[in-house]
Structure formats: C-alpha cells, structure tokens
Amino acid sequence: MKLIIIVLCNIMERYMKKFILGLAIALAACNITSAKEYITLESPAGNTIVDEKGSWILGPYDNLHVDYMKGSNTFVYGSFYENGQKRYVNLSNIAYLPAGYEYEFDYYYARALTDGGFKLVNSNGTYAINDVVHNYSAINDKLILGQKGDYWYLYNKTNGVQIMGNPIKDGWDNIEFYWSKNDKKNLFEIHTADGLIKYVTDEGILLSESEALNLIHTNNYEKSGTGEGTGIGGNEMGDSIFSRAPSTEYVLFTEVNKKGNTLYGMRTNENTIVIPAVYTSIKHLGKKFDYFIASDKNHKYGIIDSLNTTVVPFEFDSYERLSDRSFVLKNNKGVQVFNAHLGILFNHSYDKVDISKPNYVLNKVTTASKGQRKYVIDTNTGYEVFQLPNYDDDITSFYKDLYVYKSNGQYGLMDYEGHIVVEPKFDKVTIDEPLLAAYIKDIESFDK
C-alpha cells in the first residue's frame, strides 16, 4: 500500500510541475502580447526581461538581452546562454529559434547563418526555408523563393520544405499568376530553367498541367502578369534634435576702448555688425538659436538676442550647457534654466542641477536638488517632473517615459510619474536595448 501511495504522489508531483509550467508560459504569452517596452534587469543570478509595468517576460538566464527590435516593438528577438549553448528567442511570442546558429534579424524572419549563406526561420521558430540560400523573396504567407547560386527555388514557408526541385531563372521574372474572382486566390505559373511549366496554388500545392487547366476554366482564373517582390523597412525618429555644433553664422570680433580694454561683439560673415563690441565676453548659443551669452563690465553674465536686446539680466556668476537647447545660469540665489529655443528663463530655482549625465538623458531630464530634496526635472523648462524618494537617489537613464532609478548602488525602474515599476535590486537596467543604442548613436552624431 505504501508503494502505491508513493508512486501516486510522484505522478501527481510531475503532473503539477507540468501544469504550473504550462500556466506560467500561458501567463507570459498573455503578458507579452501587450508589452510595449522590453527592460533587461541584470543580476548575479542571471538577466531577466520584464515589460514596462515590471511584469515578467523571460529569465533569469545567463547574458539574456534584447538583440533586435522593429515595427513598434512588434518584432523583438533576444538571446541567452543555457547549459553553455547560445539560444535565440522571439520575445514577442516566446518562440525559440533552432539551436546551433548565430542569427541576423529582419522583421518577420531570422537568418540562421551558415558557411554558405543562411537558413530562413519564421518568427514562430519554424523554418521558412530549411535549405542554405543567400537571398529570399516572399510571395505570400505560404510561398517563398530562396536563391542558391544563380537559380531560385520555391519553398513552403510554413515548414521550409522545397515544393519543387526545378530551378527558376531570375526569380519573379519567370513567374506569372492567375487571379480568380470566385476563389479570391492566385494560381502561379512558373517557367523553370529546365524548360518546364509548373503550376502552384496559393496554398503551395503543386498541380499537374491538367489539374491547373481544369481549375483555371472551372473557377474563372484570369492571367494577371508577373509578380514583383517587395521589401519592408523603416526608420523611426522621436523628438527633433538640435545640434550642439558651434555656430558658423556669426563671427566674433574685438575692439579696444579708450581705457585699453578689449571688448567683444558679433558680426556676420559679410562683416555686418550684429552685436557691437561692448561686452567683456560673448558667445553665440548655437546655430539654431538667436541668443548670445555675454558678460558686462562687472563680469556678470546675461543673455541678449540678435537685436542686442537684453533677454536675461546681467546678474549671474556663471553658465553651463545643459541640454541640446537649454543652459543653466547660476548666482548666489540659485540655479535657473534658460531655454534658447523659446528664449525663456524659467522661474524654478535650485541649489544644484546635474549636468554630468549623458547627452541623450540631458536632452530630456536631469536631477536637481533644493534643500534636502532631490527632483527629476525637465531640462527644457526646469520644471519638476517628480521628487525622488531619497536625496542620494538618482536617475541614470531615460527612454520612452521610463527612467532607470538608482538607489543604494542598485538599479530599478520608474515610470514618468515617479512610481517605482521595478524595485532597485539589480546591477544594471536597460530599456529597449537596441533602440536605446540607436537613439544614443543619433544623439552623439548630432553632438559632434
């Protein structure tokens, strides 16, 4: 009796493990279908990927990270190591790609790289072309052409199997198609390189000539012509980016006054004086802007426009660049933000504003302190976005209204209202890794 009970318990335990695992996968699938962002959390136990709400998607795994994101985060692929082997996974549906390959990604497909080219894998992890090719062109959701050498071959995209062994010269140029208004389907007439004519249905069924002619006549198929391959591509840019490059529109010039002091002004390349030489220093704030930072005889800084009108009074001791369009001005009363795009000095004053963050962060937000409180502020207005929980806390990265939050040397995630999405318990947090890297690259290219 004891033996029977033990066996039953073992069976139930295995069943419950399978049930729990299946439930976890189902919950993950429900979760990722609505995921907008993919956040990588790094820790000694391995990396975990969560969504913008902090809900689990995958992990922890060794070196798990996001490799590719396109199409408004519809196509998202990642990789990790399991038992020493590198694996790739479609994170938008948790479909694992065939093991043993390095991959390149292109929206709907992943290219499993081989010595002679690649095999093509669908986003669900099945083969679209289970053969080594060096080019491909999709016909519809069932048919795809793969090129080997000078010839093309036809494959069933749902399982990667070659539909016919006959080679096709010049791909689409030797494929004609019929259209049936009755069936709402195509029938493909393929002229092969070995002088044959083959007929294939929309579903990838190879027909004999008599079957094809019967289908054409009974279902009113009409010849439409040759097909044309199409590609998918795109590039998304967010907010407009202003250059940090020095101005070439205005030229600094000097004059010596009666007291022997050198004073500075600005002229155009055509020698037209824009700002008279009456300042002890002057600098154009950037080629996108009509404002200049200048200092008076008391070496106090203020801001003037291209008509030499004072926009910000000469009462500041120093200034520094903050973002792509903003500057911080400091005196004994505090630090304020001037927006050179709008020409406005904002009233919010702080004890200190952090200008040391990377440019892609500073173009949106930074941190500022006032008394014993620290805030995340908008660098373009100086306005407080939210207060951080502790004075020593920090925001180290920003992307798509999500903030990487640092507290006690560990990292987590905050939303745009300052709510903690992921507790700061990780060694590193990365938001939409490939997109963030591309965004940073764009910002840096403008800043050079």
Protein backbone atom coordinates (compact mmCIF):
# COMPACT_ATOMS: atom_id res chain seq x y z
CA MET A 1 0.00 0.00 0.00
CA LYS A 2 2.86 2.43 0.85
CA LEU A 3 4.49 1.75 -2.50
CA ILE A 4 1.25 2.57 -4.37
CA ILE A 5 0.86 5.83 -2.43
CA ILE A 6 4.47 6.88 -3.16
CA VAL A 7 4.04 6.16 -6.88
CA LEU A 8 0.79 8.13 -6.99
CA CYS A 9 2.43 11.06 -5.20
CA ASN A 10 5.32 11.08 -7.70
CA ILE A 11 2.89 11.03 -10.62
CA MET A 12 0.86 13.88 -9.12
CA GLU A 13 4.05 15.88 -8.46
CA ARG A 14 5.17 15.53 -12.09
CA TYR A 15 1.67 16.46 -13.30
CA MET A 16 1.56 19.55 -11.08
CA LYS A 17 5.01 20.67 -12.29
CA LYS A 18 3.85 20.40 -15.89
CA PHE A 19 0.63 22.22 -15.05
CA ILE A 20 2.45 25.06 -13.27
CA LEU A 21 4.99 25.37 -16.11
CA GLY A 22 2.20 25.46 -18.69
CA LEU A 23 0.33 28.06 -16.67
CA ALA A 24 3.48 30.21 -16.41
CA ILE A 25 4.02 30.05 -20.16
CA ALA A 26 0.36 30.91 -20.80
CA LEU A 27 0.54 33.88 -18.44
CA ALA A 28 3.75 35.03 -20.10
CA ALA A 29 2.10 34.82 -23.51
CA CYS A 30 -0.82 36.96 -22.28
CA ASN A 31 1.67 39.39 -20.81
CA ILE A 32 3.95 39.88 -23.80
CA THR A 33 1.15 40.40 -26.29
CA SER A 34 0.59 43.80 -24.69
CA ALA A 35 4.24 44.59 -23.95
CA LYS A 36 5.34 47.97 -25.29
CA GLU A 37 8.86 48.07 -23.87
CA TYR A 38 11.36 45.35 -23.02
CA ILE A 39 13.53 46.04 -19.98
CA THR A 40 16.61 43.97 -19.16
CA LEU A 41 17.37 43.51 -15.46
CA GLU A 42 20.90 42.27 -14.71
CA SER A 43 21.88 40.42 -11.52
CA PRO A 44 24.38 37.72 -10.43
CA ALA A 45 21.59 35.13 -10.76
CA GLY A 46 21.20 36.00 -14.46
CA ASN A 47 19.34 38.55 -16.54
CA THR A 48 15.56 38.88 -16.61
CA ILE A 49 13.40 40.72 -19.15
CA VAL A 50 10.23 42.47 -17.98
CA ASP A 51 7.77 44.83 -19.64
CA GLU A 52 7.13 48.49 -18.92
CA LYS A 53 4.90 47.51 -15.97
CA GLY A 54 7.57 45.31 -14.44
CA SER A 55 5.76 42.09 -15.37
CA TRP A 56 7.96 39.08 -16.11
CA ILE A 57 8.59 38.02 -19.72
CA LEU A 58 11.67 35.75 -19.61
CA GLY A 59 14.57 34.78 -17.36
CA PRO A 60 16.69 34.70 -15.40
CA TYR A 61 19.25 33.42 -17.94
CA ASP A 62 22.96 33.92 -18.42
CA ASN A 63 23.60 37.04 -20.55
CA LEU A 64 19.94 37.35 -21.59
CA HIS A 65 19.41 40.56 -23.55
CA VAL A 66 17.40 42.03 -26.42
CA ASP A 67 19.18 41.87 -29.80
CA TYR A 68 16.63 43.29 -32.24
CA MET A 69 13.51 45.47 -32.13
CA LYS A 70 11.48 46.78 -35.07
CA GLY A 71 7.95 47.62 -36.12
CA SER A 72 6.84 49.49 -32.98
CA ASN A 73 8.27 46.64 -30.90
CA THR A 74 6.20 44.03 -32.75
CA PHE A 75 9.34 42.16 -33.79
CA VAL A 76 11.59 41.59 -30.79
CA TYR A 77 14.34 38.99 -30.57
CA GLY A 78 16.70 38.18 -27.73
CA SER A 79 19.46 35.74 -26.87
CA PHE A 80 20.84 33.99 -23.79
CA TYR A 81 23.05 31.07 -22.75
CA GLU A 82 21.63 27.83 -21.41
CA ASN A 83 23.95 24.99 -20.39
CA GLY A 84 26.76 26.71 -22.28
CA GLN A 85 24.79 26.93 -25.54
CA LYS A 86 23.63 30.21 -27.04
CA ARG A 87 19.90 30.31 -27.73
CA TYR A 88 17.76 32.85 -29.56
CA VAL A 89 14.11 33.58 -28.83
CA ASN A 90 11.33 35.72 -30.26
CA LEU A 91 10.37 37.69 -27.17
CA SER A 92 7.03 38.82 -28.56
CA ASN A 93 5.68 35.24 -28.53
CA ILE A 94 8.42 33.27 -26.67
CA ALA A 95 9.18 31.15 -29.74
CA TYR A 96 12.63 29.57 -29.55
CA LEU A 97 14.67 29.55 -32.75
CA PRO A 98 16.57 26.44 -33.87
CA ALA A 99 19.75 25.99 -31.82
CA GLY A 100 23.29 25.88 -33.15
CA TYR A 101 23.24 29.07 -35.23
CA GLU A 102 24.10 32.72 -34.95
CA TYR A 103 21.26 34.89 -36.24
CA GLU A 104 20.57 38.09 -38.10
CA PHE A 105 17.07 39.55 -37.99
CA ASP A 106 14.77 41.21 -40.49
CA TYR A 107 11.22 41.88 -39.27
CA TYR A 108 9.29 38.65 -39.96
CA TYR A 109 12.35 36.45 -40.40
CA ALA A 110 15.57 35.39 -38.73
CA ARG A 111 18.55 34.30 -40.80
CA ALA A 112 20.31 31.28 -39.29
CA LEU A 113 23.84 31.89 -40.53
CA THR A 114 25.84 29.07 -42.14
CA ASP A 115 29.15 28.88 -44.01
CA GLY A 116 27.47 29.11 -47.43
CA GLY A 117 24.70 31.57 -46.59
CA PHE A 118 21.75 31.11 -44.25
CA LYS A 119 18.60 29.18 -43.49
CA LEU A 120 15.48 31.29 -43.06
CA VAL A 121 13.40 30.99 -39.89
CA ASN A 122 9.89 32.33 -39.30
CA SER A 123 9.10 34.48 -36.28
CA ASN A 124 7.35 31.48 -34.68
CA GLY A 125 10.59 29.46 -34.72
CA THR A 126 9.74 27.19 -37.69
CA TYR A 127 11.76 27.10 -40.88
CA ALA A 128 10.61 29.24 -43.78
CA ILE A 129 13.47 27.85 -45.90
CA ASN A 130 15.13 24.73 -44.49
CA ASP A 131 17.92 24.97 -47.02
CA VAL A 132 21.09 27.06 -47.33
CA VAL A 133 20.38 30.11 -49.53
CA HIS A 134 21.89 33.56 -49.95
CA ASN A 135 18.77 35.55 -50.86
CA TYR A 136 15.00 35.26 -50.48
CA SER A 137 11.76 36.88 -51.62
CA ALA A 138 8.35 36.12 -50.10
CA ILE A 139 5.43 35.51 -52.47
CA ASN A 140 2.60 35.21 -49.94
CA ASP A 141 2.04 33.80 -46.45
CA LYS A 142 2.63 30.24 -47.72
CA LEU A 143 5.19 30.58 -50.53
CA ILE A 144 8.72 31.97 -50.61
CA LEU A 145 11.60 31.96 -53.07
CA GLY A 146 15.15 31.15 -51.99
CA GLN A 147 18.21 31.76 -54.14
CA LYS A 148 21.11 29.29 -54.39
CA GLY A 149 23.82 30.37 -56.79
CA ASP A 150 22.27 31.73 -59.99
CA TYR A 151 18.91 29.99 -59.53
CA TRP A 152 15.84 30.41 -57.36
CA TYR A 153 13.79 27.63 -55.75
CA LEU A 154 10.26 27.58 -54.37
CA TYR A 155 9.60 26.66 -50.73
CA ASN A 156 6.60 26.19 -48.46
CA LYS A 157 7.06 28.99 -45.95
CA THR A 158 5.14 27.18 -43.20
CA ASN A 159 7.60 24.27 -42.93
CA GLY A 160 10.61 25.27 -45.03
CA VAL A 161 10.25 22.33 -47.43
CA GLN A 162 11.09 22.74 -51.12
CA ILE A 163 7.90 22.47 -53.20
CA MET A 164 9.64 21.50 -56.42
CA GLY A 165 13.23 20.72 -57.29
CA ASN A 166 13.20 22.59 -60.59
CA PRO A 167 15.36 25.74 -60.61
CA ILE A 168 13.90 29.11 -61.64
CA LYS A 169 15.99 31.63 -63.55
CA ASP A 170 15.69 35.31 -62.49
CA GLY A 171 13.08 34.62 -59.79
CA TRP A 172 9.94 36.74 -60.24
CA ASP A 173 10.64 37.43 -63.93
CA ASN A 174 9.66 33.85 -64.76
CA ILE A 175 6.58 33.61 -62.56
CA GLU A 176 3.14 34.56 -63.93
CA PHE A 177 -0.02 34.47 -61.90
CA TYR A 178 -3.69 33.98 -62.44
CA TRP A 179 -6.40 35.50 -60.25
CA SER A 180 -9.85 34.09 -59.58
CA LYS A 181 -12.65 36.45 -58.57
CA ASN A 182 -14.58 33.40 -57.46
CA ASP A 183 -11.90 31.85 -55.22
CA LYS A 184 -10.20 35.14 -54.31
CA LYS A 185 -6.94 33.27 -54.82
CA ASN A 186 -3.88 33.20 -57.08
CA LEU A 187 -2.55 30.37 -59.20
CA PHE A 188 1.13 30.64 -60.12
CA GLU A 189 2.53 29.59 -63.50
CA ILE A 190 6.28 29.05 -63.09
CA HIS A 191 8.64 28.78 -66.05
CA THR A 192 11.63 26.74 -64.86
CA ALA A 193 15.20 26.94 -66.02
CA ASP A 194 15.00 23.41 -67.44
CA GLY A 195 12.22 24.41 -69.86
CA LEU A 196 9.17 23.19 -67.94
CA ILE A 197 5.98 24.93 -66.82
CA LYS A 198 4.82 24.23 -63.27
CA TYR A 199 1.60 25.30 -61.55
CA VAL A 200 1.38 26.02 -57.83
CA THR A 201 -1.64 27.16 -55.81
CA ASP A 202 -1.74 29.89 -53.18
CA GLU A 203 -1.50 27.13 -50.54
CA GLY A 204 1.68 25.69 -52.05
CA ILE A 205 0.12 22.66 -53.76
CA LEU A 206 1.92 21.55 -56.92
CA LEU A 207 -0.63 20.77 -59.67
CA SER A 208 -0.29 18.84 -62.86
CA GLU A 209 -0.99 20.70 -66.10
CA SER A 210 -4.41 19.10 -66.50
CA GLU A 211 -5.35 19.92 -62.88
CA ALA A 212 -4.26 23.52 -63.36
CA LEU A 213 -6.15 23.97 -66.65
CA ASN A 214 -9.28 22.48 -65.11
CA LEU A 215 -9.01 24.87 -62.14
CA ILE A 216 -8.47 27.84 -64.46
CA HIS A 217 -11.54 27.06 -66.58
CA THR A 218 -13.95 25.98 -63.85
CA ASN A 219 -13.15 28.81 -61.40
CA ASN A 220 -12.63 31.65 -63.89
CA TYR A 221 -8.93 32.31 -63.29
CA GLU A 222 -7.52 35.13 -65.41
CA LYS A 223 -3.84 35.75 -66.10
CA SER A 224 -2.62 38.94 -64.42
CA GLY A 225 1.09 39.11 -65.27
CA THR A 226 4.38 38.72 -63.43
CA GLY A 227 4.84 39.38 -59.75
CA GLU A 228 7.09 41.87 -58.04
CA GLY A 229 8.96 41.24 -54.82
CA THR A 230 8.55 43.71 -52.01
CA GLY A 231 10.65 44.58 -49.00
CA ILE A 232 9.87 46.01 -45.63
CA GLY A 233 11.98 48.60 -43.94
CA GLY A 234 11.80 51.79 -41.97
CA ASN A 235 13.30 54.16 -39.51
CA GLU A 236 11.62 55.89 -36.61
CA MET A 237 12.77 59.11 -35.08
CA GLY A 238 11.35 60.67 -31.97
CA ASP A 239 11.56 64.34 -30.98
CA SER A 240 13.52 66.75 -33.13
CA ILE A 241 17.19 67.01 -32.23
CA PHE A 242 19.09 70.29 -32.06
CA SER A 243 22.79 70.43 -32.83
CA ARG A 244 25.44 71.29 -30.28
CA ALA A 245 27.85 72.23 -33.09
CA PRO A 246 29.38 75.71 -32.80
CA SER A 247 27.84 78.42 -34.93
CA THR A 248 29.39 79.41 -38.25
CA GLU A 249 26.73 82.06 -38.81
CA TYR A 250 28.26 84.70 -36.52
CA VAL A 251 31.89 85.73 -36.21
CA LEU A 252 33.48 87.08 -33.03
CA PHE A 253 35.31 90.41 -33.39
CA THR A 254 37.10 92.70 -30.93
CA GLU A 255 37.70 96.39 -30.32
CA VAL A 256 39.91 98.17 -27.78
CA ASN A 257 38.24 101.01 -25.90
CA LYS A 258 39.82 104.26 -24.66
CA LYS A 259 40.85 102.57 -21.41
CA GLY A 260 42.74 99.88 -23.33
CA ASN A 261 40.25 97.15 -22.52
CA THR A 262 39.43 94.55 -25.16
CA LEU A 263 35.71 94.27 -25.77
CA TYR A 264 33.82 91.75 -27.87
CA GLY A 265 30.95 91.75 -30.34
CA MET A 266 29.47 89.64 -33.15
CA ARG A 267 29.30 90.20 -36.90
CA THR A 268 28.12 88.14 -39.87
CA ASN A 269 30.41 86.53 -42.44
CA GLU A 270 29.64 89.54 -44.65
CA ASN A 271 31.10 91.87 -41.95
CA THR A 272 27.73 93.26 -40.92
CA ILE A 273 27.87 94.12 -37.21
CA VAL A 274 25.09 92.36 -35.30
CA ILE A 275 26.23 92.91 -31.71
CA PRO A 276 28.53 95.91 -31.07
CA ALA A 277 31.80 95.28 -29.23
CA VAL A 278 30.66 96.41 -25.78
CA TYR A 279 30.94 93.16 -23.80
CA THR A 280 33.86 91.64 -21.90
CA SER A 281 32.89 88.26 -23.41
CA ILE A 282 30.22 86.96 -25.78
CA LYS A 283 29.28 83.58 -27.24
CA HIS A 284 26.53 82.52 -29.61
CA LEU A 285 24.36 79.83 -28.00
CA GLY A 286 24.11 77.76 -31.19
CA LYS A 287 23.26 77.95 -34.86
CA LYS A 288 19.61 77.06 -34.18
CA PHE A 289 19.19 79.97 -31.82
CA ASP A 290 19.13 83.80 -31.94
CA TYR A 291 20.59 84.30 -28.47
CA PHE A 292 24.04 85.09 -27.06
CA ILE A 293 25.53 84.71 -23.59
CA ALA A 294 27.58 87.81 -22.73
CA SER A 295 29.28 89.39 -19.73
CA ASP A 296 29.29 93.07 -18.78
CA LYS A 297 31.99 95.28 -17.24
CA ASN A 298 31.31 93.69 -13.83
CA HIS A 299 31.84 90.24 -15.39
CA LYS A 300 28.27 89.27 -14.70
CA TYR A 301 26.54 87.09 -17.29
CA GLY A 302 23.28 87.76 -19.07
CA ILE A 303 21.61 86.82 -22.34
CA ILE A 304 20.92 89.07 -25.32
CA ASP A 305 19.24 88.45 -28.65
CA SER A 306 20.41 89.26 -32.19
CA LEU A 307 18.97 92.80 -31.85
CA ASN A 308 21.21 93.36 -28.79
CA THR A 309 18.15 93.40 -26.54
CA THR A 310 18.68 92.08 -23.01
CA VAL A 311 16.59 88.95 -22.51
CA VAL A 312 18.11 87.81 -19.18
CA PRO A 313 19.55 90.46 -16.83
CA PHE A 314 23.32 90.58 -16.24
CA GLU A 315 23.20 89.20 -12.71
CA PHE A 316 24.63 85.66 -12.99
CA ASP A 317 28.09 84.46 -11.97
CA SER A 318 28.42 81.51 -14.36
CA TYR A 319 26.67 79.50 -17.04
CA GLU A 320 26.92 75.96 -18.43
CA ARG A 321 25.31 73.97 -21.21
CA LEU A 322 22.55 71.63 -20.00
CA SER A 323 20.76 70.09 -22.99
CA ASP A 324 20.54 70.47 -26.76
CA ARG A 325 18.60 73.70 -26.27
CA SER A 326 18.95 74.67 -22.61
CA PHE A 327 21.55 76.30 -20.35
CA VAL A 328 21.87 76.73 -16.59
CA LEU A 329 22.65 80.16 -15.14
CA LYS A 330 23.94 80.39 -11.57
CA ASN A 331 24.24 83.15 -8.94
CA ASN A 332 24.03 83.36 -5.16
CA LYS A 333 20.24 82.91 -5.32
CA GLY A 334 20.46 79.53 -7.06
CA VAL A 335 20.46 77.87 -10.49
CA GLN A 336 17.89 78.55 -13.22
CA VAL A 337 17.26 77.07 -16.67
CA PHE A 338 17.23 79.13 -19.87
CA ASN A 339 15.65 77.60 -22.98
CA ALA A 340 17.43 79.02 -26.04
CA HIS A 341 14.80 77.65 -28.40
CA LEU A 342 11.98 79.51 -26.65
CA GLY A 343 14.06 82.42 -25.33
CA ILE A 344 12.71 81.97 -21.79
CA LEU A 345 14.42 81.93 -18.38
CA PHE A 346 12.23 79.76 -16.16
CA ASN A 347 11.45 80.81 -12.61
CA HIS A 348 12.22 77.50 -10.91
CA SER A 349 15.43 77.86 -8.91
CA TYR A 350 17.56 75.05 -7.46
CA ASP A 351 20.67 74.71 -5.31
CA LYS A 352 22.32 72.42 -7.87
CA VAL A 353 21.49 70.96 -11.29
CA ASP A 354 23.30 67.86 -12.53
CA ILE A 355 24.87 68.49 -15.97
CA SER A 356 27.13 65.42 -15.93
CA LYS A 357 24.67 62.87 -17.34
CA PRO A 358 24.98 61.54 -20.92
CA ASN A 359 23.64 63.86 -23.61
CA TYR A 360 20.70 61.62 -24.54
CA VAL A 361 19.49 61.90 -20.92
CA LEU A 362 20.19 65.61 -20.59
CA ASN A 363 18.18 66.34 -23.72
CA LYS A 364 15.11 65.26 -21.73
CA VAL A 365 15.68 65.16 -17.98
CA THR A 366 18.20 65.50 -15.20
CA THR A 367 18.20 65.75 -11.41
CA ALA A 368 18.27 68.90 -9.31
CA SER A 369 18.45 69.47 -5.56
CA LYS A 370 16.74 72.01 -3.36
CA GLY A 371 17.46 71.83 0.35
CA GLN A 372 17.33 68.16 1.37
CA ARG A 373 15.15 67.16 -1.57
CA LYS A 374 16.11 65.90 -5.00
CA TYR A 375 13.90 66.13 -8.07
CA VAL A 376 13.82 64.84 -11.59
CA ILE A 377 13.38 67.96 -13.74
CA ASP A 378 12.59 68.64 -17.39
CA THR A 379 15.79 70.10 -18.86
CA ASN A 380 13.85 72.20 -21.35
CA THR A 381 11.73 74.01 -18.77
CA GLY A 382 13.36 73.40 -15.39
CA TYR A 383 10.01 72.21 -14.07
CA GLU A 384 9.86 69.40 -11.52
CA VAL A 385 8.69 66.10 -13.00
CA PHE A 386 8.65 64.28 -9.65
CA GLN A 387 10.56 64.06 -6.38
CA LEU A 388 12.91 61.13 -5.76
CA PRO A 389 12.30 59.09 -2.59
CA ASN A 390 15.76 59.83 -1.11
CA TYR A 391 18.27 62.64 -1.50
CA ASP A 392 21.05 60.28 -2.63
CA ASP A 393 18.86 58.57 -5.26
CA ASP A 394 19.44 59.24 -8.93
CA ILE A 395 18.11 58.77 -12.47
CA THR A 396 20.84 57.36 -14.71
CA SER A 397 19.00 56.68 -17.97
CA PHE A 398 15.79 57.65 -19.72
CA TYR A 399 13.90 56.27 -22.70
CA LYS A 400 10.24 56.48 -23.77
CA ASP A 401 8.96 57.92 -20.47
CA LEU A 402 10.73 55.26 -18.41
CA TYR A 403 13.56 56.06 -16.02
CA VAL A 404 16.37 53.86 -14.72
CA TYR A 405 16.30 54.53 -10.99
CA LYS A 406 19.39 54.18 -8.79
CA SER A 407 19.20 53.75 -5.02
CA ASN A 408 21.88 52.45 -2.66
CA GLY A 409 24.06 51.39 -5.57
CA GLN A 410 21.35 49.19 -7.14
CA TYR A 411 19.11 49.87 -10.14
CA GLY A 412 15.38 49.65 -10.77
CA LEU A 413 12.77 51.33 -12.93
CA MET A 414 10.38 54.27 -12.54
CA ASP A 415 7.54 55.47 -14.74
CA TYR A 416 7.08 59.08 -15.85
CA GLU A 417 5.14 59.92 -12.67
CA GLY A 418 7.88 58.65 -10.36
CA HIS A 419 6.16 55.40 -9.43
CA ILE A 420 8.57 52.52 -8.86
CA VAL A 421 7.89 49.88 -11.50
CA VAL A 422 10.86 47.64 -10.66
CA GLU A 423 12.46 47.81 -7.22
CA PRO A 424 16.14 48.86 -7.25
CA LYS A 425 17.66 45.40 -6.69
CA PHE A 426 19.67 44.91 -9.89
CA ASP A 427 23.22 45.54 -11.08
CA LYS A 428 22.04 47.13 -14.33
CA VAL A 429 18.77 48.02 -16.05
CA THR A 430 18.45 48.66 -19.80
CA ILE A 431 15.31 49.89 -21.59
CA ASP A 432 14.71 48.64 -25.17
CA GLU A 433 18.41 47.88 -25.58
CA PRO A 434 18.78 48.03 -29.42
CA LEU A 435 16.52 51.08 -29.80
CA LEU A 436 18.24 52.90 -26.96
CA ALA A 437 21.65 52.19 -28.52
CA ALA A 438 20.46 53.56 -31.88
CA TYR A 439 18.95 56.62 -30.17
CA ILE A 440 22.20 57.34 -28.32
CA LYS A 441 24.15 56.96 -31.57
CA ASP A 442 21.87 59.51 -33.26
CA ILE A 443 22.27 61.98 -30.41
CA GLU A 444 26.07 61.59 -30.38
CA SER A 445 26.27 62.10 -34.15
CA PHE A 446 24.43 65.42 -33.80
CA ASP A 447 26.67 66.48 -30.93
CA LYS A 448 29.94 66.04 -32.82
